Amino acid sequence: MTPLETVNEFIRRIEARDVAAAVDLVSEDCEYDNVPMGKVFGREAILGGLGPFVSVCDEVEWKVFREAENGHLVFNERFDRFGNNGKWIEVPVTGVWEVHDGLITLWRDYFDLATYRNQA
């Protein structure tokens, strides 16, 4: 898979609420920087942080509006939606990704924390 295909497959797995399968696409030492909230490193930390959040959702949608790939770098502009009991949390996100040898080695998401918190 190309870096862009890898990122899009990761997103597809997140939307399927299969975080364990999604983290199969990240390197053992992947840096996940959820910019307003902080960084974690490695598959297990990403699974431990993202898994419980996604598992309580009935639906997850990450609509990608724009994406670009340049070598190992992927950039995307998304609208991430997390649904639970008919209520949605919706957050505009810009993602920066690095993919090497078919694995995501860096995942950095920029979003406005207040937008998230005002809906939670």
PDB file of N, CA and C in Angstrom:
ATOM      1  N   MET A   1       0.835  -1.188   0.000  1.00  0.00           N
ATOM      2  CA  MET A   1       0.000   0.000   0.000  1.00  0.00           C
ATOM      3  C   MET A   1       0.878   1.250   0.000  1.00  0.00           C
ATOM      4  N   THR A   2       0.405   2.271  -0.654  1.00  0.00           N
ATOM      5  CA  THR A   2       1.077   3.569  -0.594  1.00  0.00           C
ATOM      6  C   THR A   2       0.835   4.176   0.792  1.00  0.00           C
ATOM      7  N   PRO A   3       1.596   5.204   1.171  1.00  0.00           N
ATOM      8  CA  PRO A   3       1.308   5.865   2.447  1.00  0.00           C
ATOM      9  C   PRO A   3      -0.144   6.363   2.548  1.00  0.00           C
ATOM     10  N   LEU A   4      -0.670   6.938   1.478  1.00  0.00           N
ATOM     11  CA  LEU A   4      -2.051   7.414   1.501  1.00  0.00           C
ATOM     12  C   LEU A   4      -3.027   6.254   1.694  1.00  0.00           C
ATOM     13  N   GLU A   5      -2.798   5.161   1.001  1.00  0.00           N
ATOM     14  CA  GLU A   5      -3.665   3.991   1.160  1.00  0.00           C
ATOM     15  C   GLU A   5      -3.595   3.440   2.585  1.00  0.00           C
ATOM     16  N   THR A   6      -2.408   3.459   3.171  1.00  0.00           N
ATOM     17  CA  THR A   6      -2.250   2.984   4.550  1.00  0.00           C
ATOM     18  C   THR A   6      -3.065   3.838   5.512  1.00  0.00           C
ATOM     19  N   VAL A   7      -2.967   5.153   5.377  1.00  0.00           N
ATOM     20  CA  VAL A   7      -3.727   6.057   6.249  1.00  0.00           C
ATOM     21  C   VAL A   7      -5.225   5.856   6.047  1.00  0.00           C
ATOM     22  N   ASN A   8      -5.663   5.739   4.806  1.00  0.00           N
ATOM     23  CA  ASN A   8      -7.088   5.553   4.548  1.00  0.00           C
ATOM     24  C   ASN A   8      -7.595   4.213   5.076  1.00  0.00           C
ATOM     25  N   GLU A   9      -6.761   3.187   5.032  1.00  0.00           N
ATOM     26  CA  GLU A   9      -7.149   1.896   5.612  1.00  0.00           C
ATOM     27  C   GLU A   9      -7.226   2.000   7.131  1.00  0.00           C
ATOM     28  N   PHE A  10      -6.305   2.723   7.737  1.00  0.00           N
ATOM     29  CA  PHE A  10      -6.354   2.969   9.179  1.00  0.00           C
ATOM     30  C   PHE A  10      -7.681   3.640   9.545  1.00  0.00           C
ATOM     31  N   ILE A  11      -8.047   4.671   8.793  1.00  0.00           N
ATOM     32  CA  ILE A  11      -9.305   5.381   9.045  1.00  0.00           C
ATOM     33  C   ILE A  11     -10.494   4.445   8.867  1.00  0.00           C
ATOM     34  N   ARG A  12     -10.466   3.620   7.838  1.00  0.00           N
ATOM     35  CA  ARG A  12     -11.559   2.665   7.608  1.00  0.00           C
ATOM     36  C   ARG A  12     -11.728   1.738   8.820  1.00  0.00           C
ATOM     37  N   ARG A  13     -10.619   1.276   9.373  1.00  0.00           N
ATOM     38  CA  ARG A  13     -10.680   0.386  10.537  1.00  0.00           C
ATOM     39  C   ARG A  13     -11.188   1.115  11.780  1.00  0.00           C
ATOM     40  N   ILE A  14     -10.815   2.381  11.929  1.00  0.00           N
ATOM     41  CA  ILE A  14     -11.347   3.170  13.045  1.00  0.00           C
ATOM     42  C   ILE A  14     -12.854   3.339  12.881  1.00  0.00           C
ATOM     43  N   GLU A  15     -13.297   3.642  11.663  1.00  0.00           N
ATOM     44  CA  GLU A  15     -14.731   3.794  11.416  1.00  0.00           C
ATOM     45  C   GLU A  15     -15.490   2.499  11.685  1.00  0.00           C
ATOM     46  N   ALA A  16     -14.835   1.359  11.493  1.00  0.00           N
ATOM     47  CA  ALA A  16     -15.435   0.060  11.801  1.00  0.00           C
ATOM     48  C   ALA A  16     -15.366  -0.239  13.299  1.00  0.00           C
ATOM     49  N   ARG A  17     -14.796   0.689  14.059  1.00  0.00           N
ATOM     50  CA  ARG A  17     -14.624   0.578  15.509  1.00  0.00           C
ATOM     51  C   ARG A  17     -13.740  -0.616  15.885  1.00  0.00           C
ATOM     52  N   ASP A  18     -12.787  -0.910  15.011  1.00  0.00           N
ATOM     53  CA  ASP A  18     -11.833  -1.993  15.262  1.00  0.00           C
ATOM     54  C   ASP A  18     -10.452  -1.380  15.488  1.00  0.00           C
ATOM     55  N   VAL A  19     -10.273  -0.787  16.656  1.00  0.00           N
ATOM     56  CA  VAL A  19      -9.021  -0.098  16.965  1.00  0.00           C
ATOM     57  C   VAL A  19      -7.862  -1.081  16.994  1.00  0.00           C
ATOM     58  N   ALA A  20      -8.099  -2.304  17.456  1.00  0.00           N
ATOM     59  CA  ALA A  20      -7.030  -3.312  17.486  1.00  0.00           C
ATOM     60  C   ALA A  20      -6.503  -3.576  16.082  1.00  0.00           C
ATOM     61  N   ALA A  21      -7.390  -3.676  15.098  1.00  0.00           N
ATOM     62  CA  ALA A  21      -6.952  -3.872  13.711  1.00  0.00           C
ATOM     63  C   ALA A  21      -6.282  -2.613  13.178  1.00  0.00           C
ATOM     64  N   ALA A  22      -6.770  -1.448  13.572  1.00  0.00           N
ATOM     65  CA  ALA A  22      -6.171  -0.192  13.111  1.00  0.00           C
ATOM     66  C   ALA A  22      -4.733  -0.071  13.586  1.00  0.00           C
ATOM     67  N   VAL A  23      -4.478  -0.400  14.848  1.00  0.00           N
ATOM     68  CA  VAL A  23      -3.116  -0.233  15.357  1.00  0.00           C
ATOM     69  C   VAL A  23      -2.151  -1.260  14.782  1.00  0.00           C
ATOM     70  N   ASP A  24      -2.663  -2.277  14.101  1.00  0.00           N
ATOM     71  CA  ASP A  24      -1.769  -3.172  13.350  1.00  0.00           C
ATOM     72  C   ASP A  24      -1.042  -2.411  12.249  1.00  0.00           C
ATOM     73  N   LEU A  25      -1.571  -1.243  11.872  1.00  0.00           N
ATOM     74  CA  LEU A  25      -0.972  -0.429  10.816  1.00  0.00           C
ATOM     75  C   LEU A  25      -0.015   0.629  11.358  1.00  0.00           C
ATOM     76  N   VAL A  26       0.239   0.641  12.663  1.00  0.00           N
ATOM     77  CA  VAL A  26       1.193   1.593  13.231  1.00  0.00           C
ATOM     78  C   VAL A  26       2.430   0.849  13.709  1.00  0.00           C
ATOM     79  N   SER A  27       3.557   1.542  13.691  1.00  0.00           N
ATOM     80  CA  SER A  27       4.813   0.937  14.138  1.00  0.00           C
ATOM     81  C   SER A  27       4.808   0.781  15.656  1.00  0.00           C
ATOM     82  N   GLU A  28       5.670  -0.086  16.139  1.00  0.00           N
ATOM     83  CA  GLU A  28       5.767  -0.331  17.584  1.00  0.00           C
ATOM     84  C   GLU A  28       6.084   0.946  18.358  1.00  0.00           C
ATOM     85  N   ASP A  29       6.817   1.866  17.729  1.00  0.00           N
ATOM     86  CA  ASP A  29       7.215   3.104  18.409  1.00  0.00           C
ATOM     87  C   ASP A  29       6.535   4.342  17.824  1.00  0.00           C
ATOM     88  N   CYS A  30       5.398   4.157  17.194  1.00  0.00           N
ATOM     89  CA  CYS A  30       4.668   5.265  16.573  1.00  0.00           C
ATOM     90  C   CYS A  30       4.395   6.374  17.589  1.00  0.00           C
ATOM     91  N   GLU A  31       4.582   7.603  17.135  1.00  0.00           N
ATOM     92  CA  GLU A  31       4.226   8.771  17.943  1.00  0.00           C
ATOM     93  C   GLU A  31       2.834   9.235  17.534  1.00  0.00           C
ATOM     94  N   TYR A  32       1.903   9.225  18.482  1.00  0.00           N
ATOM     95  CA  TYR A  32       0.562   9.757  18.262  1.00  0.00           C
ATOM     96  C   TYR A  32       0.449  11.029  19.082  1.00  0.00           C
ATOM     97  N   ASP A  33       0.360  12.143  18.387  1.00  0.00           N
ATOM     98  CA  ASP A  33       0.290  13.450  19.031  1.00  0.00           C
ATOM     99  C   ASP A  33      -1.102  14.023  18.802  1.00  0.00           C
ATOM    100  N   ASN A  34      -1.928  13.900  19.806  1.00  0.00           N
ATOM    101  CA  ASN A  34      -3.266  14.469  19.791  1.00  0.00           C
ATOM    102  C   ASN A  34      -3.093  15.885  20.340  1.00  0.00           C
ATOM    103  N   VAL A  35      -2.675  16.789  19.462  1.00  0.00           N
ATOM    104  CA  VAL A  35      -1.988  18.031  19.811  1.00  0.00           C
ATOM    105  C   VAL A  35      -2.545  18.763  21.040  1.00  0.00           C
ATOM    106  N   PRO A  36      -3.830  19.027  21.133  1.00  0.00           N
ATOM    107  CA  PRO A  36      -4.219  19.774  22.325  1.00  0.00           C
ATOM    108  C   PRO A  36      -4.218  18.938  23.605  1.00  0.00           C
ATOM    109  N   MET A  37      -4.050  17.619  23.473  1.00  0.00           N
ATOM    110  CA  MET A  37      -4.173  16.745  24.641  1.00  0.00           C
ATOM    111  C   MET A  37      -2.872  16.044  25.023  1.00  0.00           C
ATOM    112  N   GLY A  38      -1.912  15.978  24.118  1.00  0.00           N
ATOM    113  CA  GLY A  38      -0.636  15.361  24.449  1.00  0.00           C
ATOM    114  C   GLY A  38      -0.287  14.167  23.582  1.00  0.00           C
ATOM    115  N   LYS A  39       0.937  13.675  23.782  1.00  0.00           N
ATOM    116  CA  LYS A  39       1.491  12.594  22.971  1.00  0.00           C
ATOM    117  C   LYS A  39       1.477  11.278  23.729  1.00  0.00           C
ATOM    118  N   VAL A  40       1.378  10.205  22.942  1.00  0.00           N
ATOM    119  CA  VAL A  40       1.658   8.863  23.440  1.00  0.00           C
ATOM    120  C   VAL A  40       2.540   8.187  22.409  1.00  0.00           C
ATOM    121  N   PHE A  41       3.246   7.155  22.841  1.00  0.00           N
ATOM    122  CA  PHE A  41       4.175   6.465  21.954  1.00  0.00           C
ATOM    123  C   PHE A  41       3.895   4.971  21.969  1.00  0.00           C
ATOM    124  N   GLY A  42       3.789   4.404  20.779  1.00  0.00           N
ATOM    125  CA  GLY A  42       3.688   2.961  20.645  1.00  0.00           C
ATOM    126  C   GLY A  42       2.275   2.446  20.472  1.00  0.00           C
ATOM    127  N   ARG A  43       2.212   1.250  19.884  1.00  0.00           N
ATOM    128  CA  ARG A  43       0.938   0.595  19.597  1.00  0.00           C
ATOM    129  C   ARG A  43       0.060   0.450  20.836  1.00  0.00           C
ATOM    130  N   GLU A  44       0.638  -0.078  21.889  1.00  0.00           N
ATOM    131  CA  GLU A  44      -0.152  -0.347  23.098  1.00  0.00           C
ATOM    132  C   GLU A  44      -0.723   0.938  23.692  1.00  0.00           C
ATOM    133  N   ALA A  45       0.057   2.011  23.691  1.00  0.00           N
ATOM    134  CA  ALA A  45      -0.424   3.282  24.235  1.00  0.00           C
ATOM    135  C   ALA A  45      -1.540   3.858  23.367  1.00  0.00           C
ATOM    136  N   ILE A  46      -1.410   3.722  22.058  1.00  0.00           N
ATOM    137  CA  ILE A  46      -2.458   4.209  21.156  1.00  0.00           C
ATOM    138  C   ILE A  46      -3.730   3.396  21.361  1.00  0.00           C
ATOM    139  N   LEU A  47      -3.589   2.081  21.428  1.00  0.00           N
ATOM    140  CA  LEU A  47      -4.739   1.209  21.662  1.00  0.00           C
ATOM    141  C   LEU A  47      -5.387   1.526  23.007  1.00  0.00           C
ATOM    142  N   GLY A  48      -4.566   1.726  24.028  1.00  0.00           N
ATOM    143  CA  GLY A  48      -5.087   2.019  25.359  1.00  0.00           C
ATOM    144  C   GLY A  48      -5.801   3.353  25.454  1.00  0.00           C
ATOM    145  N   GLY A  49      -5.362   4.325  24.662  1.00  0.00           N
ATOM    146  CA  GLY A  49      -5.997   5.637  24.689  1.00  0.00           C
ATOM    147  C   GLY A  49      -7.208   5.742  23.790  1.00  0.00           C
ATOM    148  N   LEU A  50      -7.093   5.194  22.603  1.00  0.00           N
ATOM    149  CA  LEU A  50      -8.154   5.334  21.608  1.00  0.00           C
ATOM    150  C   LEU A  50      -9.221   4.250  21.742  1.00  0.00           C
ATOM    151  N   GLY A  51      -8.810   3.059  22.129  1.00  0.00           N
ATOM    152  CA  GLY A  51      -9.733   1.926  22.214  1.00  0.00           C
ATOM    153  C   GLY A  51     -10.946   2.178  23.086  1.00  0.00           C
ATOM    154  N   PRO A  52     -10.762   2.592  24.345  1.00  0.00           N
ATOM    155  CA  PRO A  52     -11.923   2.827  25.202  1.00  0.00           C
ATOM    156  C   PRO A  52     -12.835   3.942  24.688  1.00  0.00           C
ATOM    157  N   PHE A  53     -12.256   4.969  24.081  1.00  0.00           N
ATOM    158  CA  PHE A  53     -13.055   6.076  23.552  1.00  0.00           C
ATOM    159  C   PHE A  53     -13.938   5.598  22.402  1.00  0.00           C
ATOM    160  N   VAL A  54     -13.351   4.860  21.467  1.00  0.00           N
ATOM    161  CA  VAL A  54     -14.095   4.391  20.296  1.00  0.00           C
ATOM    162  C   VAL A  54     -15.094   3.301  20.682  1.00  0.00           C
ATOM    163  N   SER A  55     -14.746   2.462  21.636  1.00  0.00           N
ATOM    164  CA  SER A  55     -15.606   1.326  21.981  1.00  0.00           C
ATOM    165  C   SER A  55     -16.954   1.749  22.563  1.00  0.00           C
ATOM    166  N   VAL A  56     -17.037   2.931  23.161  1.00  0.00           N
ATOM    167  CA  VAL A  56     -18.319   3.383  23.712  1.00  0.00           C
ATOM    168  C   VAL A  56     -19.192   4.067  22.659  1.00  0.00           C
ATOM    169  N   CYS A  57     -18.671   4.230  21.465  1.00  0.00           N
ATOM    170  CA  CYS A  57     -19.428   4.868  20.386  1.00  0.00           C
ATOM    171  C   CYS A  57     -20.265   3.831  19.640  1.00  0.00           C
ATOM    172  N   ASP A  58     -21.465   4.235  19.263  1.00  0.00           N
ATOM    173  CA  ASP A  58     -22.291   3.403  18.397  1.00  0.00           C
ATOM    174  C   ASP A  58     -21.821   3.506  16.950  1.00  0.00           C
ATOM    175  N   GLU A  59     -21.345   4.697  16.591  1.00  0.00           N
ATOM    176  CA  GLU A  59     -20.871   4.952  15.231  1.00  0.00           C
ATOM    177  C   GLU A  59     -19.667   5.879  15.274  1.00  0.00           C
ATOM    178  N   VAL A  60     -18.768   5.677  14.308  1.00  0.00           N
ATOM    179  CA  VAL A  60     -17.615   6.559  14.136  1.00  0.00           C
ATOM    180  C   VAL A  60     -17.495   6.861  12.649  1.00  0.00           C
ATOM    181  N   GLU A  61     -17.402   8.133  12.313  1.00  0.00           N
ATOM    182  CA  GLU A  61     -17.214   8.557  10.919  1.00  0.00           C
ATOM    183  C   GLU A  61     -16.093   9.581  10.874  1.00  0.00           C
ATOM    184  N   TRP A  62     -15.126   9.345  10.016  1.00  0.00           N
ATOM    185  CA  TRP A  62     -14.068  10.330   9.775  1.00  0.00           C
ATOM    186  C   TRP A  62     -14.144  10.699   8.297  1.00  0.00           C
ATOM    187  N   LYS A  63     -14.859  11.758   7.995  1.00  0.00           N
ATOM    188  CA  LYS A  63     -15.019  12.178   6.603  1.00  0.00           C
ATOM    189  C   LYS A  63     -13.800  12.991   6.186  1.00  0.00           C
ATOM    190  N   VAL A  64     -13.102  12.503   5.173  1.00  0.00           N
ATOM    191  CA  VAL A  64     -11.916  13.190   4.654  1.00  0.00           C
ATOM    192  C   VAL A  64     -12.359  14.099   3.510  1.00  0.00           C
ATOM    193  N   PHE A  65     -12.074  15.394   3.645  1.00  0.00           N
ATOM    194  CA  PHE A  65     -12.425  16.367   2.613  1.00  0.00           C
ATOM    195  C   PHE A  65     -11.276  16.601   1.640  1.00  0.00           C
ATOM    196  N   ARG A  66     -10.077  16.645   2.170  1.00  0.00           N
ATOM    197  CA  ARG A  66      -8.887  16.879   1.346  1.00  0.00           C
ATOM    198  C   ARG A  66      -7.779  15.994   1.875  1.00  0.00           C
ATOM    199  N   GLU A  67      -6.946  15.516   0.942  1.00  0.00           N
ATOM    200  CA  GLU A  67      -5.802  14.704   1.339  1.00  0.00           C
ATOM    201  C   GLU A  67      -4.695  14.898   0.323  1.00  0.00           C
ATOM    202  N   ALA A  68      -3.472  14.796   0.811  1.00  0.00           N
ATOM    203  CA  ALA A  68      -2.311  14.938  -0.063  1.00  0.00           C
ATOM    204  C   ALA A  68      -1.225  13.998   0.435  1.00  0.00           C
ATOM    205  N   GLU A  69      -0.464  13.505  -0.520  1.00  0.00           N
ATOM    206  CA  GLU A  69       0.635  12.595  -0.213  1.00  0.00           C
ATOM    207  C   GLU A  69       1.892  13.125  -0.881  1.00  0.00           C
ATOM    208  N   ASN A  70       2.992  13.143  -0.138  1.00  0.00           N
ATOM    209  CA  ASN A  70       4.276  13.557  -0.683  1.00  0.00           C
ATOM    210  C   ASN A  70       5.332  12.654  -0.064  1.00  0.00           C
ATOM    211  N   GLY A  71       5.782  11.670  -0.820  1.00  0.00           N
ATOM    212  CA  GLY A  71       6.738  10.709  -0.285  1.00  0.00           C
ATOM    213  C   GLY A  71       6.126   9.938   0.863  1.00  0.00           C
ATOM    214  N   HIS A  72       6.756  10.021   2.035  1.00  0.00           N
ATOM    215  CA  HIS A  72       6.279   9.310   3.226  1.00  0.00           C
ATOM    216  C   HIS A  72       5.218  10.090   3.991  1.00  0.00           C
ATOM    217  N   LEU A  73       4.962  11.338   3.581  1.00  0.00           N
ATOM    218  CA  LEU A  73       4.040  12.213   4.310  1.00  0.00           C
ATOM    219  C   LEU A  73       2.636  12.172   3.727  1.00  0.00           C
ATOM    220  N   VAL A  74       1.653  12.186   4.622  1.00  0.00           N
ATOM    221  CA  VAL A  74       0.250  12.278   4.233  1.00  0.00           C
ATOM    222  C   VAL A  74      -0.376  13.375   5.088  1.00  0.00           C
ATOM    223  N   PHE A  75      -1.161  14.215   4.440  1.00  0.00           N
ATOM    224  CA  PHE A  75      -1.906  15.261   5.136  1.00  0.00           C
ATOM    225  C   PHE A  75      -3.379  15.068   4.810  1.00  0.00           C
ATOM    226  N   ASN A  76      -4.243  15.234   5.814  1.00  0.00           N
ATOM    227  CA  ASN A  76      -5.663  15.206   5.497  1.00  0.00           C
ATOM    228  C   ASN A  76      -6.427  16.204   6.349  1.00  0.00           C
ATOM    229  N   GLU A  77      -7.502  16.692   5.752  1.00  0.00           N
ATOM    230  CA  GLU A  77      -8.450  17.561   6.439  1.00  0.00           C
ATOM    231  C   GLU A  77      -9.716  16.736   6.598  1.00  0.00           C
ATOM    232  N   ARG A  78     -10.154  16.590   7.865  1.00  0.00           N
ATOM    233  CA  ARG A  78     -11.252  15.674   8.145  1.00  0.00           C
ATOM    234  C   ARG A  78     -12.313  16.339   9.019  1.00  0.00           C
ATOM    235  N   PHE A  79     -13.444  15.660   9.063  1.00  0.00           N
ATOM    236  CA  PHE A  79     -14.503  15.979  10.007  1.00  0.00           C
ATOM    237  C   PHE A  79     -14.776  14.688  10.755  1.00  0.00           C
ATOM    238  N   ASP A  80     -14.291  14.590  11.996  1.00  0.00           N
ATOM    239  CA  ASP A  80     -14.427  13.370  12.784  1.00  0.00           C
ATOM    240  C   ASP A  80     -15.716  13.434  13.587  1.00  0.00           C
ATOM    241  N   ARG A  81     -16.509  12.362  13.482  1.00  0.00           N
ATOM    242  CA  ARG A  81     -17.798  12.288  14.173  1.00  0.00           C
ATOM    243  C   ARG A  81     -17.841  11.026  15.024  1.00  0.00           C
ATOM    244  N   PHE A  82     -18.279  11.197  16.266  1.00  0.00           N
ATOM    245  CA  PHE A  82     -18.396  10.086  17.200  1.00  0.00           C
ATOM    246  C   PHE A  82     -19.828  10.079  17.724  1.00  0.00           C
ATOM    247  N   GLY A  83     -20.581   9.012  17.420  1.00  0.00           N
ATOM    248  CA  GLY A  83     -21.984   8.937  17.807  1.00  0.00           C
ATOM    249  C   GLY A  83     -22.225   7.949  18.925  1.00  0.00           C
ATOM    250  N   ASN A  84     -23.084   8.368  19.856  1.00  0.00           N
ATOM    251  CA  ASN A  84     -23.456   7.491  20.957  1.00  0.00           C
ATOM    252  C   ASN A  84     -24.874   7.843  21.400  1.00  0.00           C
ATOM    253  N   ASN A  85     -25.762   6.849  21.362  1.00  0.00           N
ATOM    254  CA  ASN A  85     -27.161   7.037  21.776  1.00  0.00           C
ATOM    255  C   ASN A  85     -27.831   8.199  21.056  1.00  0.00           C
ATOM    256  N   GLY A  86     -27.569   8.321  19.765  1.00  0.00           N
ATOM    257  CA  GLY A  86     -28.195   9.359  18.958  1.00  0.00           C
ATOM    258  C   GLY A  86     -27.569  10.736  19.066  1.00  0.00           C
ATOM    259  N   LYS A  87     -26.556  10.894  19.909  1.00  0.00           N
ATOM    260  CA  LYS A  87     -25.872  12.177  20.059  1.00  0.00           C
ATOM    261  C   LYS A  87     -24.514  12.088  19.375  1.00  0.00           C
ATOM    262  N   TRP A  88     -24.157  13.154  18.662  1.00  0.00           N
ATOM    263  CA  TRP A  88     -22.892  13.181  17.935  1.00  0.00           C
ATOM    264  C   TRP A  88     -21.953  14.233  18.504  1.00  0.00           C
ATOM    265  N   ILE A  89     -20.690  13.877  18.575  1.00  0.00           N
ATOM    266  CA  ILE A  89     -19.615  14.842  18.804  1.00  0.00           C
ATOM    267  C   ILE A  89     -18.917  14.991  17.464  1.00  0.00           C
ATOM    268  N   GLU A  90     -18.807  16.218  16.971  1.00  0.00           N
ATOM    269  CA  GLU A  90     -18.253  16.479  15.645  1.00  0.00           C
ATOM    270  C   GLU A  90     -17.115  17.481  15.754  1.00  0.00           C
ATOM    271  N   VAL A  91     -15.970  17.110  15.186  1.00  0.00           N
ATOM    272  CA  VAL A  91     -14.775  17.936  15.345  1.00  0.00           C
ATOM    273  C   VAL A  91     -14.025  18.052  14.014  1.00  0.00           C
ATOM    274  N   PRO A  92     -13.778  19.268  13.522  1.00  0.00           N
ATOM    275  CA  PRO A  92     -12.887  19.432  12.372  1.00  0.00           C
ATOM    276  C   PRO A  92     -11.450  19.113  12.804  1.00  0.00           C
ATOM    277  N   VAL A  93     -10.744  18.347  11.977  1.00  0.00           N
ATOM    278  CA  VAL A  93      -9.397  17.877  12.313  1.00  0.00           C
ATOM    279  C   VAL A  93      -8.490  18.021  11.102  1.00  0.00           C
ATOM    280  N   THR A  94      -7.240  18.379  11.345  1.00  0.00           N
ATOM    281  CA  THR A  94      -6.193  18.288  10.327  1.00  0.00           C
ATOM    282  C   THR A  94      -5.186  17.264  10.817  1.00  0.00           C
ATOM    283  N   GLY A  95      -4.918  16.268   9.984  1.00  0.00           N
ATOM    284  CA  GLY A  95      -3.999  15.197  10.356  1.00  0.00           C
ATOM    285  C   GLY A  95      -2.719  15.250   9.549  1.00  0.00           C
ATOM    286  N   VAL A  96      -1.622  14.965  10.221  1.00  0.00           N
ATOM    287  CA  VAL A  96      -0.305  14.847   9.589  1.00  0.00           C
ATOM    288  C   VAL A  96       0.204  13.454   9.930  1.00  0.00           C
ATOM    289  N   TRP A  97       0.622  12.726   8.915  1.00  0.00           N
ATOM    290  CA  TRP A  97       1.012  11.333   9.086  1.00  0.00           C
ATOM    291  C   TRP A  97       2.347  11.084   8.387  1.00  0.00           C
ATOM    292  N   GLU A  98       3.138  10.190   8.944  1.00  0.00           N
ATOM    293  CA  GLU A  98       4.317   9.661   8.264  1.00  0.00           C
ATOM    294  C   GLU A  98       4.173   8.149   8.215  1.00  0.00           C
ATOM    295  N   VAL A  99       4.459   7.592   7.049  1.00  0.00           N
ATOM    296  CA  VAL A  99       4.346   6.149   6.851  1.00  0.00           C
ATOM    297  C   VAL A  99       5.655   5.647   6.267  1.00  0.00           C
ATOM    298  N   HIS A 100       6.220   4.636   6.909  1.00  0.00           N
ATOM    299  CA  HIS A 100       7.462   4.012   6.445  1.00  0.00           C
ATOM    300  C   HIS A 100       7.276   2.501   6.433  1.00  0.00           C
ATOM    301  N   ASP A 101       7.653   1.878   5.332  1.00  0.00           N
ATOM    302  CA  ASP A 101       7.567   0.418   5.205  1.00  0.00           C
ATOM    303  C   ASP A 101       6.170  -0.102   5.540  1.00  0.00           C
ATOM    304  N   GLY A 102       5.158   0.630   5.107  1.00  0.00           N
ATOM    305  CA  GLY A 102       3.780   0.187   5.280  1.00  0.00           C
ATOM    306  C   GLY A 102       3.188   0.411   6.661  1.00  0.00           C
ATOM    307  N   LEU A 103       3.933   1.072   7.556  1.00  0.00           N
ATOM    308  CA  LEU A 103       3.434   1.323   8.905  1.00  0.00           C
ATOM    309  C   LEU A 103       3.453   2.815   9.222  1.00  0.00           C
ATOM    310  N   ILE A 104       2.448   3.261   9.933  1.00  0.00           N
ATOM    311  CA  ILE A 104       2.371   4.653  10.367  1.00  0.00           C
ATOM    312  C   ILE A 104       3.366   4.846  11.505  1.00  0.00           C
ATOM    313  N   THR A 105       4.284   5.787  11.329  1.00  0.00           N
ATOM    314  CA  THR A 105       5.295   6.053  12.359  1.00  0.00           C
ATOM    315  C   THR A 105       5.023   7.354  13.113  1.00  0.00           C
ATOM    316  N   LEU A 106       4.205   8.221  12.528  1.00  0.00           N
ATOM    317  CA  LEU A 106       3.801   9.470  13.176  1.00  0.00           C
ATOM    318  C   LEU A 106       2.361   9.760  12.794  1.00  0.00           C
ATOM    319  N   TRP A 107       1.569  10.109  13.793  1.00  0.00           N
ATOM    320  CA  TRP A 107       0.184  10.519  13.568  1.00  0.00           C
ATOM    321  C   TRP A 107      -0.055  11.714  14.472  1.00  0.00           C
ATOM    322  N   ARG A 108      -0.269  12.862  13.850  1.00  0.00           N
ATOM    323  CA  ARG A 108      -0.468  14.102  14.604  1.00  0.00           C
ATOM    324  C   ARG A 108      -1.785  14.724  14.155  1.00  0.00           C
ATOM    325  N   ASP A 109      -2.705  14.899  15.089  1.00  0.00           N
ATOM    326  CA  ASP A 109      -3.997  15.512  14.796  1.00  0.00           C
ATOM    327  C   ASP A 109      -4.101  16.867  15.487  1.00  0.00           C
ATOM    328  N   TYR A 110      -4.492  17.867  14.707  1.00  0.00           N
ATOM    329  CA  TYR A 110      -4.724  19.217  15.210  1.00  0.00           C
ATOM    330  C   TYR A 110      -6.231  19.472  15.217  1.00  0.00           C
ATOM    331  N   PHE A 111      -6.750  19.882  16.356  1.00  0.00           N
ATOM    332  CA  PHE A 111      -8.159  20.253  16.449  1.00  0.00           C
ATOM    333  C   PHE A 111      -8.338  21.189  17.634  1.00  0.00           C
ATOM    334  N   ASP A 112      -9.495  21.832  17.681  1.00  0.00           N
ATOM    335  CA  ASP A 112      -9.797  22.767  18.758  1.00  0.00           C
ATOM    336  C   ASP A 112     -10.450  22.005  19.911  1.00  0.00           C
ATOM    337  N   LEU A 113      -9.750  21.939  21.027  1.00  0.00           N
ATOM    338  CA  LEU A 113     -10.235  21.179  22.178  1.00  0.00           C
ATOM    339  C   LEU A 113     -11.559  21.724  22.704  1.00  0.00           C
ATOM    340  N   ALA A 114     -11.745  23.034  22.658  1.00  0.00           N
ATOM    341  CA  ALA A 114     -13.003  23.622  23.137  1.00  0.00           C
ATOM    342  C   ALA A 114     -14.187  23.147  22.299  1.00  0.00           C
ATOM    343  N   THR A 115     -13.986  22.983  20.998  1.00  0.00           N
ATOM    344  CA  THR A 115     -15.059  22.479  20.136  1.00  0.00           C
ATOM    345  C   THR A 115     -15.491  21.096  20.595  1.00  0.00           C
ATOM    346  N   TYR A 116     -14.519  20.264  20.937  1.00  0.00           N
ATOM    347  CA  TYR A 116     -14.825  18.923  21.448  1.00  0.00           C
ATOM    348  C   TYR A 116     -15.516  19.006  22.811  1.00  0.00           C
ATOM    349  N   ARG A 117     -14.926  19.732  23.728  1.00  0.00           N
ATOM    350  CA  ARG A 117     -15.443  19.782  25.106  1.00  0.00           C
ATOM    351  C   ARG A 117     -16.841  20.388  25.188  1.00  0.00           C
ATOM    352  N   ASN A 118     -17.153  21.332  24.320  1.00  0.00           N
ATOM    353  CA  ASN A 118     -18.478  21.949  24.336  1.00  0.00           C
ATOM    354  C   ASN A 118     -19.579  20.986  23.910  1.00  0.00           C
ATOM    355  N   GLN A 119     -19.204  19.864  23.322  1.00  0.00           N
ATOM    356  CA  GLN A 119     -20.183  18.877  22.881  1.00  0.00           C
ATOM    357  C   GLN A 119     -20.223  17.639  23.770  1.00  0.00           C
ATOM    358  N   ALA A 120     -19.172  17.427  24.539  1.00  0.00           N
ATOM    359  CA  ALA A 120     -19.065  16.188  25.335  1.00  0.00           C
ATOM    360  C   ALA A 120     -19.988  16.207  26.536  1.00  0.00           C
TER     361      ALA A 120
END
